[in-house]
Amino acid sequence: MKNKEFFKGKNILIVGLAKSGFAAAKLLHSFGALVAVNDRQPREGNREAERLEEIGISVVCGGHPLSLLDGDIDFVVKNPGIPYENPLIAEAIKRKIPVYTEVEIAGLISEASIIAITGSNGKTTTTTLIGEMLKNSEKKPVVAGNIGTVFSEVAAKSTVEEILVAELSSFQLMGTEQFKPQISVFLNLFEAHLDYHGSLDEYGKAKAKITENQNESDFVVYNADDERVSELMKDSNAQHIPFSVKKQFKNGAYMQDDALYFQDKKIIERKDIVLPGEHNLSNIMAAVAASMLAGATIEQIVNVLTTFAGVDHRLQYVGQVEGRRFYNDSKATNILATKAALSAFEKDVILLAGGLDRGNPFDDLIPALQNVKVLVTFGQTAEKMADAGRKAGIETIKRADNVEEAVPVAYSHSKVGDVILLSPACASWDQYKTFEQRGDMFINSVHKLK
């Protein structure tokens, strides 16, 4: 483990006791740092707080007192989801105390080289693909980050014989200063999380931090079909590796004669790729480029692309009930993701959509609703979503209290051959802790129908 001594004796405040905060607190404490933890949840029933106190870490629960910043705080490590407008975080910035996420720690301590993946959509699919493609290669792949395993926790155990494949959000990247992957992947950029970042420009800048510290010995794999991404990558000092479904960039990944190529090497015929959906072709090209740069064999890449059908909660086929096909796309937390999901089906879709209200309208979704025959809405955006459905000419629009109730409502308005699709176009936090929990509720409701 690199730089372990750097943290010894440092005064560090951890803000937020979700998975990343809990892991970072334990890790930094083990390095000899003087760690204090702050969590807004009440002390009663806070098992994570109890476990940290048991090993000698001070925990303050129930609010964010500014007095926690008094004294000589070297830096703050915050949960990625906590906004910078939070009074404690804002005060730390005002006092010029550095505010990081645990990704910064992971980058400092990792013995393994790092492939980091970001983008508005497709991160989980691309990250999973890269991890699978690198199996049996020279270095053992370990998948981490926003995909489910805390990055710093994995980095602490990493070795030079491994390569970390990390899915990173804009929330995580914004809290970095020295983070430097050997290969960065920037998939796309669309309007999302504007309630957190304030504007598309600030959102893009946060994403672009993935390549900020890279140099000419590193690689940045980016979507040359996305003008915003291409513009942001102009300032990267890494070697540029574009991918495109529209143009042929001989130094990157591209399509030629309906086959996928990487740097003039034919990888696979498009017809042999199992993963459905036009949008997934870009994800696949990004994964191929990053994997080839990291040492994957064409044989292993082909093996993955001819067998890999998708990840949980991303157009996940749940099963059939009386001739109705159910798909769980709970990871579709923005409009673009839902548009991509709808494009995978030609007609007779019953769409379940809604969730956290971030203040945006859903007019951009209207053109993609043409193959939707019934719309079932739920959550904070239920009425906004219904309004978009009415503008799209959908005659049958129903409202449910939540996903669990939406499933039987959708089923009652379906017939044999219909597709019942959960693709919310919204984050889950108004009713569910995570999109995974929302997707699991959908799956459980489908099973109840059976």
Protein backbone atom coordinates (compact mmCIF):
# COMPACT_ATOMS: atom_id res chain seq x y z
CA MET A 1 0.00 0.00 0.00
CA LYS A 2 1.43 3.37 -1.04
CA ASN A 3 1.49 6.61 0.99
CA LYS A 4 0.19 4.98 4.17
CA GLU A 5 2.51 7.16 6.27
CA PHE A 6 1.10 10.31 4.66
CA PHE A 7 -2.07 10.01 6.76
CA LYS A 8 -0.39 9.28 10.10
CA GLY A 9 -1.18 11.97 12.65
CA LYS A 10 -3.47 13.89 10.28
CA ASN A 11 -6.66 15.39 11.75
CA ILE A 12 -9.44 14.23 9.44
CA LEU A 13 -13.19 14.83 9.62
CA ILE A 14 -15.45 12.30 7.87
CA VAL A 15 -18.89 13.70 7.01
CA GLY A 16 -21.60 11.15 6.23
CA LEU A 17 -21.79 7.53 7.37
CA ALA A 18 -22.91 5.72 4.26
CA LYS A 19 -20.76 2.86 2.95
CA SER A 20 -17.96 5.12 1.72
CA GLY A 21 -17.78 7.17 4.93
CA PHE A 22 -17.74 4.11 7.16
CA ALA A 23 -15.01 2.46 5.08
CA ALA A 24 -12.90 5.64 4.88
CA ALA A 25 -13.13 6.20 8.64
CA LYS A 26 -11.93 2.70 9.46
CA LEU A 27 -9.18 2.85 6.86
CA LEU A 28 -7.78 6.23 7.89
CA HIS A 29 -7.95 5.26 11.54
CA SER A 30 -5.87 2.15 10.74
CA PHE A 31 -3.27 4.44 9.12
CA GLY A 32 -2.83 6.32 12.38
CA ALA A 33 -4.92 9.36 11.44
CA LEU A 34 -6.89 11.22 14.13
CA VAL A 35 -10.37 10.61 12.77
CA ALA A 36 -13.68 12.19 13.80
CA VAL A 37 -16.96 11.30 12.12
CA ASN A 38 -20.14 13.34 11.68
CA ASP A 39 -23.49 11.93 10.55
CA ARG A 40 -26.86 13.69 10.43
CA GLN A 41 -28.77 10.54 11.38
CA PRO A 42 -29.69 10.28 15.10
CA ARG A 43 -27.36 8.32 17.34
CA GLU A 44 -30.10 5.87 18.32
CA GLY A 45 -29.99 2.77 16.14
CA ASN A 46 -26.96 4.02 14.18
CA ARG A 47 -25.05 0.74 14.09
CA GLU A 48 -22.22 2.14 11.97
CA ALA A 49 -21.59 4.84 14.55
CA GLU A 50 -21.52 2.23 17.31
CA ARG A 51 -19.02 0.08 15.43
CA LEU A 52 -16.69 3.04 14.85
CA GLU A 53 -16.85 4.09 18.49
CA GLU A 54 -15.95 0.55 19.49
CA ILE A 55 -12.57 0.96 17.77
CA GLY A 56 -11.93 4.39 19.25
CA ILE A 57 -13.27 6.78 16.62
CA SER A 58 -15.22 9.83 17.81
CA VAL A 59 -18.69 10.11 16.24
CA VAL A 60 -21.09 13.08 16.41
CA CYS A 61 -24.64 12.31 15.25
CA GLY A 62 -27.89 14.19 14.75
CA GLY A 63 -26.67 17.28 12.86
CA HIS A 64 -23.68 19.09 11.42
CA PRO A 65 -22.26 21.44 14.11
CA LEU A 66 -19.73 23.89 12.69
CA SER A 67 -17.64 23.51 15.83
CA LEU A 68 -16.36 20.24 14.36
CA LEU A 69 -14.12 22.37 12.13
CA ASP A 70 -12.49 24.14 15.07
CA GLY A 71 -8.89 23.17 15.67
CA ASP A 72 -6.37 22.02 13.13
CA ILE A 73 -8.38 19.99 10.56
CA ASP A 74 -6.11 18.82 7.73
CA PHE A 75 -8.96 17.84 5.42
CA VAL A 76 -12.57 16.68 5.24
CA VAL A 77 -13.73 13.48 3.54
CA LYS A 78 -17.41 13.78 2.65
CA ASN A 79 -19.96 11.32 1.37
CA PRO A 80 -20.35 12.01 -2.37
CA GLY A 81 -24.08 12.62 -2.07
CA ILE A 82 -23.75 15.46 0.44
CA PRO A 83 -24.04 18.75 -1.49
CA TYR A 84 -21.39 21.44 -1.21
CA GLU A 85 -24.11 23.80 0.03
CA ASN A 86 -24.31 21.77 3.24
CA PRO A 87 -23.44 24.32 5.98
CA LEU A 88 -20.57 22.24 7.38
CA ILE A 89 -19.04 21.61 3.94
CA ALA A 90 -19.55 25.23 2.88
CA GLU A 91 -17.85 26.42 6.08
CA ALA A 92 -14.92 24.05 5.51
CA ILE A 93 -14.43 25.49 2.03
CA LYS A 94 -14.70 29.03 3.43
CA ARG A 95 -11.92 28.17 5.91
CA LYS A 96 -9.86 26.75 3.01
CA ILE A 97 -9.94 23.24 4.44
CA PRO A 98 -9.65 20.73 1.55
CA VAL A 99 -12.81 18.66 0.98
CA TYR A 100 -12.33 15.27 -0.66
CA THR A 101 -14.28 12.11 -1.39
CA GLU A 102 -12.81 8.69 -0.64
CA VAL A 103 -11.77 8.41 -4.31
CA GLU A 104 -8.88 10.75 -3.53
CA ILE A 105 -7.71 8.36 -0.81
CA ALA A 106 -8.05 5.37 -3.13
CA GLY A 107 -5.85 7.00 -5.75
CA LEU A 108 -3.15 7.83 -3.21
CA ILE A 109 -2.89 4.35 -1.66
CA SER A 110 -3.51 1.98 -4.58
CA GLU A 111 -0.62 -0.28 -5.57
CA ALA A 112 -2.64 -1.40 -8.59
CA SER A 113 -3.02 0.57 -11.78
CA ILE A 114 -6.46 2.10 -12.28
CA ILE A 115 -9.02 2.26 -15.09
CA ALA A 116 -11.65 4.87 -14.17
CA ILE A 117 -14.98 5.15 -16.00
CA THR A 118 -17.43 8.05 -15.92
CA GLY A 119 -20.31 9.41 -18.00
CA SER A 120 -23.97 10.30 -17.64
CA ASN A 121 -25.12 6.86 -18.79
CA GLY A 122 -23.65 3.44 -19.37
CA LYS A 123 -21.03 3.50 -16.59
CA THR A 124 -22.08 0.26 -14.91
CA THR A 125 -22.38 -1.67 -18.15
CA THR A 126 -19.01 -0.42 -19.41
CA THR A 127 -17.27 -1.04 -16.08
CA THR A 128 -18.66 -4.56 -15.90
CA LEU A 129 -17.64 -5.28 -19.49
CA ILE A 130 -14.07 -4.11 -18.88
CA GLY A 131 -13.82 -6.25 -15.76
CA GLU A 132 -15.01 -9.30 -17.69
CA MET A 133 -12.78 -8.60 -20.71
CA LEU A 134 -9.67 -8.39 -18.53
CA LYS A 135 -10.17 -11.77 -16.91
CA ASN A 136 -7.30 -14.14 -17.75
CA SER A 137 -5.13 -11.18 -18.77
CA GLU A 138 -1.72 -10.39 -17.26
CA LYS A 139 -3.22 -8.41 -14.37
CA LYS A 140 -6.21 -9.54 -12.33
CA PRO A 141 -9.14 -7.10 -12.66
CA VAL A 142 -10.94 -5.91 -9.51
CA VAL A 143 -14.17 -3.96 -10.07
CA ALA A 144 -14.98 -1.19 -7.57
CA GLY A 145 -16.39 2.30 -7.07
CA ASN A 146 -19.93 3.44 -7.67
CA ILE A 147 -20.80 -0.03 -8.95
CA GLY A 148 -21.11 -1.29 -5.38
CA THR A 149 -17.74 -1.84 -3.64
CA VAL A 150 -16.11 1.10 -1.85
CA PHE A 151 -13.12 2.17 -3.95
CA SER A 152 -10.73 3.06 -1.12
CA GLU A 153 -11.48 -0.21 0.66
CA VAL A 154 -10.52 -2.17 -2.44
CA ALA A 155 -7.51 0.05 -3.15
CA ALA A 156 -6.13 -0.61 0.33
CA LYS A 157 -5.93 -4.33 -0.45
CA SER A 158 -4.68 -3.96 -4.02
CA THR A 159 -1.38 -5.27 -5.36
CA VAL A 160 0.76 -4.49 -8.40
CA GLU A 161 -0.53 -7.75 -9.94
CA GLU A 162 -4.05 -6.28 -10.08
CA ILE A 163 -5.83 -3.60 -12.07
CA LEU A 164 -8.69 -1.67 -10.47
CA VAL A 165 -11.69 -0.98 -12.71
CA ALA A 166 -13.68 1.80 -11.06
CA GLU A 167 -17.04 3.32 -11.95
CA LEU A 168 -16.98 6.93 -10.76
CA SER A 169 -19.75 9.52 -10.58
CA SER A 170 -19.42 13.28 -10.92
CA PHE A 171 -20.14 13.49 -7.17
CA GLN A 172 -17.09 11.34 -6.45
CA LEU A 173 -14.78 13.00 -8.97
CA MET A 174 -15.61 16.52 -7.83
CA GLY A 175 -13.92 15.73 -4.52
CA THR A 176 -10.53 14.84 -6.00
CA GLU A 177 -7.29 16.77 -6.30
CA GLN A 178 -4.45 14.38 -7.20
CA PHE A 179 -6.44 11.38 -8.47
CA LYS A 180 -4.72 9.97 -11.55
CA PRO A 181 -5.89 6.81 -13.34
CA GLN A 182 -3.70 5.20 -15.96
CA ILE A 183 -6.71 4.83 -18.25
CA SER A 184 -9.73 7.11 -18.02
CA VAL A 185 -13.00 6.55 -19.90
CA PHE A 186 -15.50 9.36 -20.57
CA LEU A 187 -18.66 7.89 -22.11
CA ASN A 188 -21.07 10.80 -22.63
CA LEU A 189 -22.46 13.96 -21.07
CA PHE A 190 -26.14 14.84 -20.78
CA GLU A 191 -28.18 17.02 -18.44
CA ALA A 192 -28.30 15.24 -15.10
CA HIS A 193 -27.68 16.06 -11.43
CA LEU A 194 -28.11 19.77 -12.16
CA ASP A 195 -29.68 20.20 -8.72
CA TYR A 196 -26.28 19.21 -7.32
CA HIS A 197 -23.90 20.87 -9.78
CA GLY A 198 -25.99 23.92 -10.69
CA SER A 199 -25.32 23.84 -14.43
CA LEU A 200 -24.32 21.54 -17.25
CA ASP A 201 -20.95 23.30 -17.47
CA GLU A 202 -20.16 22.58 -13.81
CA TYR A 203 -21.38 19.00 -14.20
CA GLY A 204 -19.06 18.56 -17.19
CA LYS A 205 -16.11 20.04 -15.31
CA ALA A 206 -16.65 17.59 -12.47
CA LYS A 207 -16.69 14.67 -14.90
CA ALA A 208 -13.59 15.96 -16.69
CA LYS A 209 -11.58 15.75 -13.46
CA ILE A 210 -11.15 12.08 -14.34
CA THR A 211 -8.33 13.08 -16.72
CA GLU A 212 -7.11 16.28 -15.06
CA ASN A 213 -3.87 14.80 -13.68
CA GLN A 214 -3.12 12.37 -16.47
CA ASN A 215 0.03 12.81 -18.57
CA GLU A 216 1.43 11.56 -21.87
CA SER A 217 2.07 8.08 -20.45
CA ASP A 218 -1.67 7.67 -19.69
CA PHE A 219 -4.70 7.18 -21.92
CA VAL A 220 -8.08 8.89 -22.12
CA VAL A 221 -10.77 6.91 -23.96
CA TYR A 222 -13.60 9.24 -24.96
CA ASN A 223 -16.78 9.44 -27.03
CA ALA A 224 -15.90 11.33 -30.20
CA ASP A 225 -19.61 11.38 -31.14
CA ASP A 226 -20.38 13.56 -28.11
CA GLU A 227 -19.41 17.18 -28.85
CA ARG A 228 -19.41 18.18 -25.18
CA VAL A 229 -17.13 15.33 -24.21
CA SER A 230 -14.79 15.98 -27.14
CA GLU A 231 -14.51 19.64 -26.19
CA LEU A 232 -13.75 18.82 -22.55
CA MET A 233 -11.07 16.32 -23.58
CA LYS A 234 -9.12 18.84 -25.63
CA ASP A 235 -7.22 19.92 -22.53
CA SER A 236 -6.28 16.39 -21.46
CA ASN A 237 -2.53 15.65 -21.53
CA ALA A 238 -3.15 11.93 -21.89
CA GLN A 239 -2.95 10.04 -25.17
CA HIS A 240 -6.33 10.50 -26.88
CA ILE A 241 -8.18 7.29 -27.80
CA PRO A 242 -11.54 8.15 -29.40
CA PHE A 243 -14.42 5.77 -30.04
CA SER A 244 -17.22 6.44 -32.49
CA VAL A 245 -20.17 4.66 -34.07
CA LYS A 246 -20.30 7.31 -36.82
CA LYS A 247 -16.70 7.91 -37.88
CA GLN A 248 -13.54 5.89 -38.28
CA PHE A 249 -10.74 6.99 -35.98
CA LYS A 250 -7.88 4.65 -36.76
CA ASN A 251 -6.20 5.29 -33.40
CA GLY A 252 -9.36 4.28 -31.53
CA ALA A 253 -12.45 2.07 -31.72
CA TYR A 254 -14.76 2.31 -34.72
CA MET A 255 -17.18 0.43 -37.00
CA GLN A 256 -16.23 -0.75 -40.47
CA ASP A 257 -18.23 -3.08 -42.73
CA ASP A 258 -20.59 -3.75 -39.81
CA ALA A 259 -17.77 -4.99 -37.62
CA LEU A 260 -16.05 -3.46 -34.59
CA TYR A 261 -12.37 -2.53 -34.94
CA PHE A 262 -9.75 -1.22 -32.57
CA GLN A 263 -6.66 0.41 -34.08
CA ASP A 264 -7.03 -1.52 -37.34
CA LYS A 265 -7.61 -4.85 -35.58
CA LYS A 266 -10.94 -6.49 -36.30
CA ILE A 267 -12.56 -7.50 -33.02
CA ILE A 268 -16.04 -8.85 -33.79
CA GLU A 269 -18.92 -8.77 -36.26
CA ARG A 270 -21.75 -6.65 -34.93
CA LYS A 271 -24.28 -9.44 -35.50
CA ASP A 272 -22.41 -11.62 -33.01
CA ILE A 273 -22.73 -9.13 -30.13
CA VAL A 274 -25.37 -10.32 -27.65
CA LEU A 275 -25.95 -7.13 -25.63
CA PRO A 276 -29.07 -5.42 -27.05
CA GLY A 277 -29.73 -1.77 -27.80
CA GLU A 278 -28.11 0.78 -30.09
CA HIS A 279 -26.91 2.79 -27.09
CA ASN A 280 -24.88 -0.16 -25.84
CA LEU A 281 -22.68 -0.17 -28.95
CA SER A 282 -20.89 2.95 -27.66
CA ASN A 283 -20.44 1.34 -24.25
CA ILE A 284 -19.00 -1.76 -25.90
CA MET A 285 -16.57 0.25 -28.01
CA ALA A 286 -15.35 2.13 -24.93
CA ALA A 287 -14.88 -1.14 -23.07
CA VAL A 288 -13.00 -2.73 -25.96
CA ALA A 289 -10.65 0.25 -26.25
CA ALA A 290 -9.87 0.40 -22.52
CA SER A 291 -9.48 -3.37 -22.26
CA MET A 292 -7.15 -3.63 -25.23
CA LEU A 293 -4.99 -0.82 -23.83
CA ALA A 294 -4.85 -2.69 -20.51
CA GLY A 295 -3.77 -5.97 -22.07
CA ALA A 296 -6.95 -7.93 -22.80
CA THR A 297 -6.86 -10.50 -25.59
CA ILE A 298 -9.20 -10.36 -28.56
CA GLU A 299 -10.24 -13.91 -27.74
CA GLN A 300 -11.43 -12.93 -24.25
CA ILE A 301 -13.18 -9.81 -25.56
CA VAL A 302 -15.07 -11.86 -28.15
CA ASN A 303 -15.98 -14.41 -25.49
CA VAL A 304 -17.53 -11.64 -23.36
CA LEU A 305 -19.38 -9.93 -26.22
CA THR A 306 -20.95 -13.18 -27.39
CA THR A 307 -22.21 -14.11 -23.91
CA PHE A 308 -22.76 -10.92 -21.88
CA ALA A 309 -26.44 -9.91 -21.92
CA GLY A 310 -26.44 -7.02 -19.45
CA VAL A 311 -26.23 -6.05 -15.77
CA ASP A 312 -28.83 -6.05 -13.03
CA HIS A 313 -31.26 -3.09 -13.10
CA ARG A 314 -30.19 -2.08 -16.62
CA LEU A 315 -32.75 -3.48 -19.09
CA GLN A 316 -32.71 -6.64 -16.99
CA TYR A 317 -35.13 -9.28 -18.24
CA VAL A 318 -37.20 -10.36 -15.24
CA GLY A 319 -39.44 -12.94 -16.90
CA GLN A 320 -42.89 -13.53 -18.35
CA VAL A 321 -46.30 -13.61 -16.71
CA GLU A 322 -49.13 -14.84 -18.91
CA GLY A 323 -47.34 -13.74 -22.07
CA ARG A 324 -46.29 -10.29 -20.76
CA ARG A 325 -42.52 -9.65 -20.69
CA PHE A 326 -41.15 -7.66 -17.73
CA TYR A 327 -37.93 -5.61 -17.83
CA ASN A 328 -36.21 -3.88 -14.91
CA ASP A 329 -34.38 -0.71 -15.94
CA SER A 330 -34.34 0.94 -12.52
CA LYS A 331 -30.85 2.31 -13.17
CA ALA A 332 -32.41 4.67 -15.74
CA THR A 333 -32.22 7.73 -13.49
CA ASN A 334 -32.44 10.35 -16.24
CA ILE A 335 -34.33 11.02 -19.45
CA LEU A 336 -31.61 9.85 -21.81
CA ALA A 337 -31.39 6.44 -20.16
CA THR A 338 -35.13 5.94 -20.46
CA LYS A 339 -35.09 7.03 -24.10
CA ALA A 340 -32.38 4.43 -24.75
CA ALA A 341 -34.43 1.74 -23.03
CA LEU A 342 -37.57 2.58 -24.99
CA SER A 343 -35.62 2.44 -28.26
CA ALA A 344 -34.96 -1.27 -27.61
CA PHE A 345 -38.67 -2.04 -28.14
CA GLU A 346 -40.78 -1.38 -31.22
CA LYS A 347 -44.31 -1.20 -29.81
CA ASP A 348 -46.79 -2.16 -27.10
CA VAL A 349 -44.77 -0.91 -24.14
CA ILE A 350 -46.33 -0.24 -20.76
CA LEU A 351 -43.95 2.18 -19.07
CA LEU A 352 -43.54 2.64 -15.31
CA ALA A 353 -41.82 5.96 -14.64
CA GLY A 354 -41.31 8.64 -12.00
CA GLY A 355 -39.24 9.41 -8.93
CA LEU A 356 -37.22 12.23 -7.42
CA ASP A 357 -38.15 15.69 -8.67
CA ARG A 358 -35.02 17.60 -9.67
CA GLY A 359 -37.00 20.46 -11.13
CA ASN A 360 -36.71 19.51 -14.79
CA PRO A 361 -39.62 18.96 -17.19
CA PHE A 362 -39.91 15.77 -19.25
CA ASP A 363 -40.58 17.29 -22.67
CA ASP A 364 -37.37 15.75 -24.04
CA LEU A 365 -38.85 12.32 -23.33
CA ILE A 366 -41.99 12.91 -25.42
CA PRO A 367 -40.60 11.75 -28.84
CA ALA A 368 -39.47 8.46 -27.27
CA LEU A 369 -42.96 7.74 -25.90
CA GLN A 370 -44.47 6.91 -29.28
CA ASN A 371 -44.27 3.15 -28.66
CA VAL A 372 -45.84 3.47 -25.18
CA LYS A 373 -49.50 2.41 -24.99
CA VAL A 374 -49.96 2.78 -21.21
CA LEU A 375 -48.05 5.02 -18.79
CA VAL A 376 -48.04 4.33 -15.05
CA THR A 377 -46.48 7.11 -12.98
CA PHE A 378 -45.33 7.28 -9.36
CA GLY A 379 -43.16 9.33 -7.02
CA GLN A 380 -42.61 13.09 -6.79
CA THR A 381 -42.63 13.53 -10.58
CA ALA A 382 -45.81 11.52 -11.18
CA GLU A 383 -47.82 14.48 -12.46
CA LYS A 384 -44.96 15.91 -14.55
CA MET A 385 -44.49 12.50 -16.14
CA ALA A 386 -48.22 12.21 -16.78
CA ASP A 387 -48.18 15.63 -18.46
CA ALA A 388 -45.44 14.44 -20.84
CA GLY A 389 -47.51 11.35 -21.54
CA ARG A 390 -50.57 13.42 -22.41
CA LYS A 391 -48.49 15.58 -24.76
CA ALA A 392 -47.24 12.39 -26.42
CA GLY A 393 -50.82 11.29 -27.04
CA ILE A 394 -50.89 8.36 -24.62
CA GLU A 395 -54.54 7.66 -23.91
CA THR A 396 -54.18 5.49 -20.81
CA ILE A 397 -52.24 7.13 -17.97
CA LYS A 398 -52.51 5.80 -14.44
CA ARG A 399 -50.97 6.86 -11.16
CA ALA A 400 -49.64 4.60 -8.40
CA ASP A 401 -48.19 5.41 -5.01
CA ASN A 402 -44.97 3.49 -5.65
CA VAL A 403 -43.31 0.82 -7.81
CA GLU A 404 -44.89 -2.03 -5.87
CA GLU A 405 -48.37 -0.72 -6.67
CA ALA A 406 -47.45 0.25 -10.22
CA VAL A 407 -46.75 -3.35 -11.27
CA PRO A 408 -50.28 -4.75 -10.76
CA VAL A 409 -51.75 -1.55 -12.22
CA ALA A 410 -49.62 -2.03 -15.34
CA TYR A 411 -50.52 -5.72 -15.54
CA SER A 412 -54.25 -4.96 -15.30
CA HIS A 413 -53.98 -2.80 -18.45
CA SER A 414 -51.82 -5.24 -20.44
CA LYS A 415 -52.44 -8.03 -22.90
CA VAL A 416 -50.44 -10.97 -24.23
CA GLY A 417 -47.32 -9.78 -26.06
CA ASP A 418 -46.94 -6.50 -24.18
CA VAL A 419 -43.68 -5.32 -22.62
CA ILE A 420 -43.95 -3.96 -19.08
CA LEU A 421 -40.91 -1.78 -18.51
CA LEU A 422 -39.69 -0.05 -15.36
CA SER A 423 -37.52 2.80 -16.64
CA PRO A 424 -38.14 5.72 -14.27
CA ALA A 425 -36.12 8.58 -15.88
CA CYS A 426 -35.61 9.80 -12.29
CA ALA A 427 -33.46 9.08 -9.28
CA SER A 428 -34.99 6.88 -6.59
CA TRP A 429 -34.30 8.91 -3.46
CA ASP A 430 -37.81 10.26 -2.97
CA GLN A 431 -39.05 6.78 -2.01
CA TYR A 432 -36.11 4.36 -2.05
CA LYS A 433 -32.57 4.43 -0.70
CA THR A 434 -31.07 3.27 -4.01
CA PHE A 435 -32.09 2.42 -7.55
CA GLU A 436 -31.19 -1.19 -6.68
CA GLN A 437 -33.80 -1.23 -3.93
CA ARG A 438 -36.36 0.22 -6.35
CA GLY A 439 -35.50 -2.43 -8.94
CA ASP A 440 -35.71 -5.21 -6.37
CA MET A 441 -39.17 -3.98 -5.36
CA PHE A 442 -40.21 -4.18 -9.02
CA ILE A 443 -38.86 -7.72 -9.34
CA ASN A 444 -40.58 -8.82 -6.14
CA SER A 445 -43.88 -7.39 -7.38
CA VAL A 446 -43.53 -9.25 -10.67
CA HIS A 447 -42.90 -12.49 -8.80
CA LYS A 448 -46.06 -11.86 -6.73
CA LEU A 449 -48.04 -11.72 -9.95
CA LYS A 450 -46.80 -15.19 -10.79
